[in-house]
């Protein structure tokens, strides 16, 4: 994951990383490590995206438009992904 994307989004909002971690109620070091060294969970990415008021995919790319195509198998069901909207809808379904 490219942490500079989150850093840029924080700067655009005049928000510090500490403010982000405080808002999420997560230890600053834990949050930093999960976003820079580990694989953050979907729930963590959703929470960060919500605070920064961006869709989750925006945390993963510097592009403002993403073309995405593919299939995902989840619980023996096949989902065809043709847009970021499709992916977001699937992520919402999975997280419930």
PDB file of N, CA and C in Angstrom:
ATOM      1  N   UNK A   1       0.840  -1.173   0.000  1.00  0.00           N
ATOM      2  CA  UNK A   1       0.000   0.000   0.000  1.00  0.00           C
ATOM      3  C   UNK A   1       0.887   1.239   0.000  1.00  0.00           C
ATOM      4  N   UNK A   2       0.502   2.227  -0.776  1.00  0.00           N
ATOM      5  CA  UNK A   2       1.267   3.463  -0.897  1.00  0.00           C
ATOM      6  C   UNK A   2       0.766   4.470   0.145  1.00  0.00           C
ATOM      7  N   UNK A   3       1.491   4.575   1.249  1.00  0.00           N
ATOM      8  CA  UNK A   3       1.066   5.442   2.348  1.00  0.00           C
ATOM      9  C   UNK A   3       1.036   6.912   1.943  1.00  0.00           C
ATOM     10  N   UNK A   4       1.787   7.285   0.908  1.00  0.00           N
ATOM     11  CA  UNK A   4       1.812   8.691   0.491  1.00  0.00           C
ATOM     12  C   UNK A   4       0.428   9.164   0.048  1.00  0.00           C
ATOM     13  N   UNK A   5      -0.422   8.247  -0.396  1.00  0.00           N
ATOM     14  CA  UNK A   5      -1.785   8.613  -0.793  1.00  0.00           C
ATOM     15  C   UNK A   5      -2.553   9.119   0.422  1.00  0.00           C
ATOM     16  N   UNK A   6      -2.472   8.383   1.526  1.00  0.00           N
ATOM     17  CA  UNK A   6      -3.159   8.808   2.753  1.00  0.00           C
ATOM     18  C   UNK A   6      -2.554  10.101   3.270  1.00  0.00           C
ATOM     19  N   UNK A   7      -1.249  10.191   3.190  1.00  0.00           N
ATOM     20  CA  UNK A   7      -0.565  11.415   3.624  1.00  0.00           C
ATOM     21  C   UNK A   7      -1.071  12.619   2.826  1.00  0.00           C
ATOM     22  N   UNK A   8      -1.185  12.462   1.504  1.00  0.00           N
ATOM     23  CA  UNK A   8      -1.680  13.549   0.649  1.00  0.00           C
ATOM     24  C   UNK A   8      -3.123  13.908   0.995  1.00  0.00           C
ATOM     25  N   UNK A   9      -3.965  12.894   1.217  1.00  0.00           N
ATOM     26  CA  UNK A   9      -5.360  13.146   1.556  1.00  0.00           C
ATOM     27  C   UNK A   9      -5.472  13.869   2.901  1.00  0.00           C
ATOM     28  N   UNK A  10      -4.623  13.492   3.847  1.00  0.00           N
ATOM     29  CA  UNK A  10      -4.613  14.179   5.137  1.00  0.00           C
ATOM     30  C   UNK A  10      -4.222  15.644   4.968  1.00  0.00           C
ATOM     31  N   UNK A  11      -3.198  15.896   4.166  1.00  0.00           N
ATOM     32  CA  UNK A  11      -2.755  17.277   3.927  1.00  0.00           C
ATOM     33  C   UNK A  11      -3.866  18.103   3.274  1.00  0.00           C
ATOM     34  N   UNK A  12      -4.566  17.509   2.301  1.00  0.00           N
ATOM     35  CA  UNK A  12      -5.665  18.209   1.628  1.00  0.00           C
ATOM     36  C   UNK A  12      -6.750  18.618   2.612  1.00  0.00           C
ATOM     37  N   UNK A  13      -6.890  17.857   3.700  1.00  0.00           N
ATOM     38  CA  UNK A  13      -7.931  18.126   4.690  1.00  0.00           C
ATOM     39  C   UNK A  13      -7.396  18.844   5.930  1.00  0.00           C
ATOM     40  N   UNK A  14      -6.143  19.260   5.866  1.00  0.00           N
ATOM     41  CA  UNK A  14      -5.497  19.910   7.016  1.00  0.00           C
ATOM     42  C   UNK A  14      -5.653  19.077   8.281  1.00  0.00           C
ATOM     43  N   UNK A  15      -5.420  17.789   8.132  1.00  0.00           N
ATOM     44  CA  UNK A  15      -5.586  16.855   9.241  1.00  0.00           C
ATOM     45  C   UNK A  15      -4.258  16.145   9.489  1.00  0.00           C
ATOM     46  N   UNK A  16      -3.929  15.957  10.735  1.00  0.00           N
ATOM     47  CA  UNK A  16      -2.700  15.226  11.061  1.00  0.00           C
ATOM     48  C   UNK A  16      -3.002  13.734  11.174  1.00  0.00           C
ATOM     49  N   UNK A  17      -1.943  12.942  11.105  1.00  0.00           N
ATOM     50  CA  UNK A  17      -2.114  11.505  11.264  1.00  0.00           C
ATOM     51  C   UNK A  17      -2.612  11.194  12.670  1.00  0.00           C
ATOM     52  N   UNK A  18      -2.153  11.960  13.643  1.00  0.00           N
ATOM     53  CA  UNK A  18      -2.624  11.775  15.024  1.00  0.00           C
ATOM     54  C   UNK A  18      -4.121  12.025  15.115  1.00  0.00           C
ATOM     55  N   UNK A  19      -4.610  13.070  14.436  1.00  0.00           N
ATOM     56  CA  UNK A  19      -6.050  13.336  14.438  1.00  0.00           C
ATOM     57  C   UNK A  19      -6.824  12.175  13.810  1.00  0.00           C
ATOM     58  N   UNK A  20      -6.272  11.617  12.746  1.00  0.00           N
ATOM     59  CA  UNK A  20      -6.907  10.475  12.108  1.00  0.00           C
ATOM     60  C   UNK A  20      -6.985   9.299  13.080  1.00  0.00           C
ATOM     61  N   UNK A  21      -5.873   8.980  13.731  1.00  0.00           N
ATOM     62  CA  UNK A  21      -5.863   7.839  14.659  1.00  0.00           C
ATOM     63  C   UNK A  21      -6.785   8.101  15.855  1.00  0.00           C
ATOM     64  N   UNK A  22      -6.803   9.335  16.347  1.00  0.00           N
ATOM     65  CA  UNK A  22      -7.700   9.673  17.457  1.00  0.00           C
ATOM     66  C   UNK A  22      -9.161   9.528  17.041  1.00  0.00           C
ATOM     67  N   UNK A  23      -9.499  10.003  15.845  1.00  0.00           N
ATOM     68  CA  UNK A  23     -10.870   9.910  15.347  1.00  0.00           C
ATOM     69  C   UNK A  23     -11.300   8.450  15.215  1.00  0.00           C
ATOM     70  N   UNK A  24     -10.372   7.608  14.782  1.00  0.00           N
ATOM     71  CA  UNK A  24     -10.668   6.184  14.629  1.00  0.00           C
ATOM     72  C   UNK A  24     -10.630   5.430  15.959  1.00  0.00           C
ATOM     73  N   UNK A  25     -10.041   6.056  16.974  1.00  0.00           N
ATOM     74  CA  UNK A  25      -9.906   5.388  18.262  1.00  0.00           C
ATOM     75  C   UNK A  25      -8.891   4.250  18.216  1.00  0.00           C
ATOM     76  N   UNK A  26      -7.857   4.450  17.391  1.00  0.00           N
ATOM     77  CA  UNK A  26      -6.827   3.426  17.192  1.00  0.00           C
ATOM     78  C   UNK A  26      -5.482   4.019  17.583  1.00  0.00           C
ATOM     79  N   UNK A  27      -4.645   3.203  18.224  1.00  0.00           N
ATOM     80  CA  UNK A  27      -3.302   3.632  18.569  1.00  0.00           C
ATOM     81  C   UNK A  27      -2.574   4.088  17.304  1.00  0.00           C
ATOM     82  N   UNK A  28      -1.932   5.235  17.374  1.00  0.00           N
ATOM     83  CA  UNK A  28      -1.263   5.828  16.213  1.00  0.00           C
ATOM     84  C   UNK A  28      -0.229   4.887  15.600  1.00  0.00           C
ATOM     85  N   UNK A  29       0.588   4.254  16.426  1.00  0.00           N
ATOM     86  CA  UNK A  29       1.609   3.337  15.915  1.00  0.00           C
ATOM     87  C   UNK A  29       0.983   2.106  15.261  1.00  0.00           C
ATOM     88  N   UNK A  30      -0.065   1.588  15.878  1.00  0.00           N
ATOM     89  CA  UNK A  30      -0.769   0.433  15.321  1.00  0.00           C
ATOM     90  C   UNK A  30      -1.342   0.778  13.948  1.00  0.00           C
ATOM     91  N   UNK A  31      -1.988   1.931  13.843  1.00  0.00           N
ATOM     92  CA  UNK A  31      -2.570   2.368  12.577  1.00  0.00           C
ATOM     93  C   UNK A  31      -1.487   2.561  11.530  1.00  0.00           C
ATOM     94  N   UNK A  32      -0.420   3.236  11.910  1.00  0.00           N
ATOM     95  CA  UNK A  32       0.678   3.491  10.975  1.00  0.00           C
ATOM     96  C   UNK A  32       1.270   2.179  10.457  1.00  0.00           C
ATOM     97  N   UNK A  33       1.542   1.255  11.373  1.00  0.00           N
ATOM     98  CA  UNK A  33       2.125  -0.031  10.974  1.00  0.00           C
ATOM     99  C   UNK A  33       1.198  -0.808  10.043  1.00  0.00           C
ATOM    100  N   UNK A  34      -0.089  -0.797  10.334  1.00  0.00           N
ATOM    101  CA  UNK A  34      -1.006  -1.560   9.488  1.00  0.00           C
ATOM    102  C   UNK A  34      -1.120  -0.950   8.095  1.00  0.00           C
ATOM    103  N   UNK A  35      -0.967   0.370   7.998  1.00  0.00           N
ATOM    104  CA  UNK A  35      -1.094   1.033   6.701  1.00  0.00           C
ATOM    105  C   UNK A  35       0.207   1.064   5.910  1.00  0.00           C
ATOM    106  N   UNK A  36       1.332   0.885   6.582  1.00  0.00           N
ATOM    107  CA  UNK A  36       2.606   0.977   5.871  1.00  0.00           C
ATOM    108  C   UNK A  36       3.340  -0.351   5.747  1.00  0.00           C
ATOM    109  N   UNK A  37       3.214  -1.204   6.743  1.00  0.00           N
ATOM    110  CA  UNK A  37       4.006  -2.433   6.759  1.00  0.00           C
ATOM    111  C   UNK A  37       3.173  -3.694   6.599  1.00  0.00           C
ATOM    112  N   UNK A  38       1.906  -3.590   6.904  1.00  0.00           N
ATOM    113  CA  UNK A  38       1.071  -4.784   6.873  1.00  0.00           C
ATOM    114  C   UNK A  38       0.029  -4.703   5.783  1.00  0.00           C
ATOM    115  N   UNK A  39      -0.887  -5.605   5.853  1.00  0.00           N
ATOM    116  CA  UNK A  39      -2.029  -5.592   4.966  1.00  0.00           C
ATOM    117  C   UNK A  39      -3.228  -5.161   5.787  1.00  0.00           C
ATOM    118  N   UNK A  40      -3.646  -3.906   5.651  1.00  0.00           N
ATOM    119  CA  UNK A  40      -4.778  -3.444   6.452  1.00  0.00           C
ATOM    120  C   UNK A  40      -6.047  -4.208   6.083  1.00  0.00           C
ATOM    121  N   UNK A  41      -6.890  -4.415   7.056  1.00  0.00           N
ATOM    122  CA  UNK A  41      -8.152  -5.095   6.798  1.00  0.00           C
ATOM    123  C   UNK A  41      -9.079  -4.176   6.012  1.00  0.00           C
ATOM    124  N   UNK A  42     -10.062  -4.779   5.391  1.00  0.00           N
ATOM    125  CA  UNK A  42     -11.067  -3.995   4.676  1.00  0.00           C
ATOM    126  C   UNK A  42     -11.770  -3.049   5.641  1.00  0.00           C
ATOM    127  N   UNK A  43     -12.041  -3.520   6.842  1.00  0.00           N
ATOM    128  CA  UNK A  43     -12.702  -2.675   7.842  1.00  0.00           C
ATOM    129  C   UNK A  43     -11.852  -1.454   8.193  1.00  0.00           C
ATOM    130  N   UNK A  44     -10.544  -1.663   8.301  1.00  0.00           N
ATOM    131  CA  UNK A  44      -9.651  -0.545   8.606  1.00  0.00           C
ATOM    132  C   UNK A  44      -9.653   0.453   7.456  1.00  0.00           C
ATOM    133  N   UNK A  45      -9.565  -0.042   6.223  1.00  0.00           N
ATOM    134  CA  UNK A  45      -9.579   0.848   5.058  1.00  0.00           C
ATOM    135  C   UNK A  45     -10.905   1.594   4.952  1.00  0.00           C
ATOM    136  N   UNK A  46     -11.995   0.906   5.227  1.00  0.00           N
ATOM    137  CA  UNK A  46     -13.309   1.563   5.186  1.00  0.00           C
ATOM    138  C   UNK A  46     -13.396   2.670   6.222  1.00  0.00           C
ATOM    139  N   UNK A  47     -12.865   2.412   7.417  1.00  0.00           N
ATOM    140  CA  UNK A  47     -12.907   3.419   8.482  1.00  0.00           C
ATOM    141  C   UNK A  47     -12.071   4.640   8.109  1.00  0.00           C
ATOM    142  N   UNK A  48     -10.880   4.412   7.574  1.00  0.00           N
ATOM    143  CA  UNK A  48     -10.017   5.518   7.155  1.00  0.00           C
ATOM    144  C   UNK A  48     -10.690   6.295   6.027  1.00  0.00           C
ATOM    145  N   UNK A  49     -11.245   5.591   5.062  1.00  0.00           N
ATOM    146  CA  UNK A  49     -11.912   6.238   3.932  1.00  0.00           C
ATOM    147  C   UNK A  49     -13.087   7.085   4.406  1.00  0.00           C
ATOM    148  N   UNK A  50     -13.827   6.577   5.372  1.00  0.00           N
ATOM    149  CA  UNK A  50     -14.977   7.326   5.892  1.00  0.00           C
ATOM    150  C   UNK A  50     -14.526   8.640   6.536  1.00  0.00           C
ATOM    151  N   UNK A  51     -13.481   8.565   7.348  1.00  0.00           N
ATOM    152  CA  UNK A  51     -12.973   9.781   8.003  1.00  0.00           C
ATOM    153  C   UNK A  51     -12.473  10.780   6.961  1.00  0.00           C
ATOM    154  N   UNK A  52     -11.810  10.270   5.919  1.00  0.00           N
ATOM    155  CA  UNK A  52     -11.254  11.152   4.888  1.00  0.00           C
ATOM    156  C   UNK A  52     -12.288  11.515   3.816  1.00  0.00           C
ATOM    157  N   UNK A  53     -13.471  10.924   3.935  1.00  0.00           N
ATOM    158  CA  UNK A  53     -14.581  11.213   3.024  1.00  0.00           C
ATOM    159  C   UNK A  53     -14.227  10.912   1.568  1.00  0.00           C
ATOM    160  N   UNK A  54     -13.685   9.706   1.365  1.00  0.00           N
ATOM    161  CA  UNK A  54     -13.347   9.232   0.024  1.00  0.00           C
ATOM    162  C   UNK A  54     -13.790   7.781  -0.090  1.00  0.00           C
ATOM    163  N   UNK A  55     -13.996   7.290  -1.313  1.00  0.00           N
ATOM    164  CA  UNK A  55     -14.266   5.858  -1.459  1.00  0.00           C
ATOM    165  C   UNK A  55     -13.000   5.067  -1.142  1.00  0.00           C
ATOM    166  N   UNK A  56     -13.165   3.832  -0.730  1.00  0.00           N
ATOM    167  CA  UNK A  56     -12.027   2.998  -0.334  1.00  0.00           C
ATOM    168  C   UNK A  56     -10.986   2.912  -1.441  1.00  0.00           C
ATOM    169  N   UNK A  57     -11.416   2.762  -2.684  1.00  0.00           N
ATOM    170  CA  UNK A  57     -10.442   2.607  -3.773  1.00  0.00           C
ATOM    171  C   UNK A  57      -9.501   3.796  -3.866  1.00  0.00           C
ATOM    172  N   UNK A  58      -9.943   4.960  -3.405  1.00  0.00           N
ATOM    173  CA  UNK A  58      -9.117   6.167  -3.490  1.00  0.00           C
ATOM    174  C   UNK A  58      -7.879   6.070  -2.604  1.00  0.00           C
ATOM    175  N   UNK A  59      -7.937   5.213  -1.575  1.00  0.00           N
ATOM    176  CA  UNK A  59      -6.779   5.005  -0.702  1.00  0.00           C
ATOM    177  C   UNK A  59      -5.713   4.152  -1.378  1.00  0.00           C
ATOM    178  N   UNK A  60      -6.088   3.498  -2.472  1.00  0.00           N
ATOM    179  CA  UNK A  60      -5.197   2.535  -3.098  1.00  0.00           C
ATOM    180  C   UNK A  60      -4.540   3.027  -4.374  1.00  0.00           C
ATOM    181  N   UNK A  61      -4.959   4.173  -4.878  1.00  0.00           N
ATOM    182  CA  UNK A  61      -4.380   4.683  -6.117  1.00  0.00           C
ATOM    183  C   UNK A  61      -4.388   6.200  -6.121  1.00  0.00           C
ATOM    184  N   UNK A  62      -3.414   6.764  -6.808  1.00  0.00           N
ATOM    185  CA  UNK A  62      -3.374   8.215  -6.955  1.00  0.00           C
ATOM    186  C   UNK A  62      -4.239   8.672  -8.119  1.00  0.00           C
ATOM    187  N   UNK A  63      -4.682   7.724  -8.909  1.00  0.00           N
ATOM    188  CA  UNK A  63      -5.549   8.044 -10.040  1.00  0.00           C
ATOM    189  C   UNK A  63      -6.901   8.497  -9.522  1.00  0.00           C
ATOM    190  N   UNK A  64      -7.514   9.434 -10.207  1.00  0.00           N
ATOM    191  CA  UNK A  64      -8.843   9.881  -9.802  1.00  0.00           C
ATOM    192  C   UNK A  64      -9.931   9.070 -10.487  1.00  0.00           C
ATOM    193  N   UNK A  65      -9.559   8.315 -11.504  1.00  0.00           N
ATOM    194  CA  UNK A  65     -10.498   7.432 -12.182  1.00  0.00           C
ATOM    195  C   UNK A  65      -9.827   6.074 -12.296  1.00  0.00           C
ATOM    196  N   UNK A  66     -10.568   5.035 -11.989  1.00  0.00           N
ATOM    197  CA  UNK A  66     -10.004   3.698 -12.030  1.00  0.00           C
ATOM    198  C   UNK A  66     -10.847   2.826 -12.939  1.00  0.00           C
ATOM    199  N   UNK A  67     -10.205   2.197 -13.908  1.00  0.00           N
ATOM    200  CA  UNK A  67     -10.869   1.190 -14.728  1.00  0.00           C
ATOM    201  C   UNK A  67     -10.546  -0.149 -14.102  1.00  0.00           C
ATOM    202  N   UNK A  68     -11.575  -0.896 -13.778  1.00  0.00           N
ATOM    203  CA  UNK A  68     -11.367  -2.162 -13.093  1.00  0.00           C
ATOM    204  C   UNK A  68     -12.304  -3.203 -13.681  1.00  0.00           C
ATOM    205  N   UNK A  69     -11.761  -4.371 -13.928  1.00  0.00           N
ATOM    206  CA  UNK A  69     -12.539  -5.471 -14.478  1.00  0.00           C
ATOM    207  C   UNK A  69     -12.047  -6.759 -13.847  1.00  0.00           C
ATOM    208  N   UNK A  70     -12.959  -7.675 -13.584  1.00  0.00           N
ATOM    209  CA  UNK A  70     -12.532  -8.967 -13.072  1.00  0.00           C
ATOM    210  C   UNK A  70     -13.675  -9.741 -12.465  1.00  0.00           C
ATOM    211  N   UNK A  71     -13.332 -10.860 -11.896  1.00  0.00           N
ATOM    212  CA  UNK A  71     -14.308 -11.677 -11.182  1.00  0.00           C
ATOM    213  C   UNK A  71     -13.768 -11.989  -9.805  1.00  0.00           C
ATOM    214  N   UNK A  72     -14.668 -12.098  -8.874  1.00  0.00           N
ATOM    215  CA  UNK A  72     -14.320 -12.435  -7.499  1.00  0.00           C
ATOM    216  C   UNK A  72     -15.250 -13.559  -7.065  1.00  0.00           C
ATOM    217  N   UNK A  73     -14.677 -14.571  -6.458  1.00  0.00           N
ATOM    218  CA  UNK A  73     -15.479 -15.657  -5.906  1.00  0.00           C
ATOM    219  C   UNK A  73     -15.503 -15.456  -4.398  1.00  0.00           C
ATOM    220  N   UNK A  74     -16.699 -15.366  -3.856  1.00  0.00           N
ATOM    221  CA  UNK A  74     -16.871 -15.181  -2.412  1.00  0.00           C
ATOM    222  C   UNK A  74     -17.987 -16.108  -1.955  1.00  0.00           C
ATOM    223  N   UNK A  75     -17.674 -16.991  -1.041  1.00  0.00           N
ATOM    224  CA  UNK A  75     -18.634 -17.964  -0.519  1.00  0.00           C
ATOM    225  C   UNK A  75     -19.337 -18.703  -1.652  1.00  0.00           C
ATOM    226  N   UNK A  76     -18.542 -19.220  -2.562  1.00  0.00           N
ATOM    227  CA  UNK A  76     -19.016 -20.031  -3.693  1.00  0.00           C
ATOM    228  C   UNK A  76     -19.922 -19.270  -4.658  1.00  0.00           C
ATOM    229  N   UNK A  77     -19.912 -17.959  -4.606  1.00  0.00           N
ATOM    230  CA  UNK A  77     -20.661 -17.147  -5.554  1.00  0.00           C
ATOM    231  C   UNK A  77     -19.664 -16.343  -6.380  1.00  0.00           C
ATOM    232  N   UNK A  78     -19.919 -16.242  -7.673  1.00  0.00           N
ATOM    233  CA  UNK A  78     -19.027 -15.513  -8.565  1.00  0.00           C
ATOM    234  C   UNK A  78     -19.622 -14.130  -8.822  1.00  0.00           C
ATOM    235  N   UNK A  79     -18.810 -13.115  -8.609  1.00  0.00           N
ATOM    236  CA  UNK A  79     -19.227 -11.735  -8.838  1.00  0.00           C
ATOM    237  C   UNK A  79     -18.390 -11.165  -9.977  1.00  0.00           C
ATOM    238  N   UNK A  80     -19.067 -10.576 -10.945  1.00  0.00           N
ATOM    239  CA  UNK A  80     -18.380  -9.934 -12.060  1.00  0.00           C
ATOM    240  C   UNK A  80     -18.230  -8.463 -11.702  1.00  0.00           C
ATOM    241  N   UNK A  81     -17.004  -7.987 -11.742  1.00  0.00           N
ATOM    242  CA  UNK A  81     -16.702  -6.599 -11.393  1.00  0.00           C
ATOM    243  C   UNK A  81     -16.367  -5.858 -12.683  1.00  0.00           C
ATOM    244  N   UNK A  82     -17.173  -4.837 -12.981  1.00  0.00           N
ATOM    245  CA  UNK A  82     -16.960  -4.042 -14.193  1.00  0.00           C
ATOM    246  C   UNK A  82     -16.704  -2.571 -13.879  1.00  0.00           C
ATOM    247  N   UNK A  83     -16.753  -2.225 -12.593  1.00  0.00           N
ATOM    248  CA  UNK A  83     -16.558  -0.824 -12.216  1.00  0.00           C
ATOM    249  C   UNK A  83     -16.183  -0.749 -10.740  1.00  0.00           C
ATOM    250  N   UNK A  84     -15.723   0.410 -10.334  1.00  0.00           N
ATOM    251  CA  UNK A  84     -15.425   0.642  -8.926  1.00  0.00           C
ATOM    252  C   UNK A  84     -16.716   0.524  -8.118  1.00  0.00           C
ATOM    253  N   UNK A  85     -17.812   0.951  -8.707  1.00  0.00           N
ATOM    254  CA  UNK A  85     -19.116   0.861  -8.048  1.00  0.00           C
ATOM    255  C   UNK A  85     -19.448  -0.606  -7.726  1.00  0.00           C
ATOM    256  N   UNK A  86     -19.219  -1.504  -8.700  1.00  0.00           N
ATOM    257  CA  UNK A  86     -19.452  -2.934  -8.465  1.00  0.00           C
ATOM    258  C   UNK A  86     -18.596  -3.437  -7.306  1.00  0.00           C
ATOM    259  N   UNK A  87     -17.338  -3.043  -7.300  1.00  0.00           N
ATOM    260  CA  UNK A  87     -16.420  -3.473  -6.249  1.00  0.00           C
ATOM    261  C   UNK A  87     -16.841  -2.929  -4.889  1.00  0.00           C
ATOM    262  N   UNK A  88     -17.248  -1.680  -4.859  1.00  0.00           N
ATOM    263  CA  UNK A  88     -17.707  -1.063  -3.611  1.00  0.00           C
ATOM    264  C   UNK A  88     -18.951  -1.766  -3.091  1.00  0.00           C
ATOM    265  N   UNK A  89     -19.894  -2.063  -3.981  1.00  0.00           N
ATOM    266  CA  UNK A  89     -21.098  -2.770  -3.575  1.00  0.00           C
ATOM    267  C   UNK A  89     -20.775  -4.143  -2.996  1.00  0.00           C
ATOM    268  N   UNK A  90     -19.837  -4.848  -3.641  1.00  0.00           N
ATOM    269  CA  UNK A  90     -19.434  -6.161  -3.124  1.00  0.00           C
ATOM    270  C   UNK A  90     -18.756  -6.013  -1.761  1.00  0.00           C
ATOM    271  N   UNK A  91     -17.907  -5.028  -1.619  1.00  0.00           N
ATOM    272  CA  UNK A  91     -17.233  -4.793  -0.335  1.00  0.00           C
ATOM    273  C   UNK A  91     -18.264  -4.502   0.750  1.00  0.00           C
ATOM    274  N   UNK A  92     -19.284  -3.725   0.427  1.00  0.00           N
ATOM    275  CA  UNK A  92     -20.359  -3.434   1.390  1.00  0.00           C
ATOM    276  C   UNK A  92     -21.079  -4.722   1.793  1.00  0.00           C
ATOM    277  N   UNK A  93     -21.366  -5.556   0.807  1.00  0.00           N
ATOM    278  CA  UNK A  93     -22.067  -6.815   1.066  1.00  0.00           C
ATOM    279  C   UNK A  93     -21.231  -7.734   1.968  1.00  0.00           C
ATOM    280  N   UNK A  94     -19.952  -7.822   1.671  1.00  0.00           N
ATOM    281  CA  UNK A  94     -19.060  -8.708   2.433  1.00  0.00           C
ATOM    282  C   UNK A  94     -18.883  -8.227   3.864  1.00  0.00           C
ATOM    283  N   UNK A  95     -18.840  -6.921   4.053  1.00  0.00           N
ATOM    284  CA  UNK A  95     -18.547  -6.373   5.384  1.00  0.00           C
ATOM    285  C   UNK A  95     -19.731  -6.443   6.333  1.00  0.00           C
ATOM    286  N   UNK A  96     -20.898  -6.833   5.836  1.00  0.00           N
ATOM    287  CA  UNK A  96     -22.089  -6.900   6.708  1.00  0.00           C
ATOM    288  C   UNK A  96     -22.227  -8.248   7.345  1.00  0.00           C
TER     289      UNK A  96
END
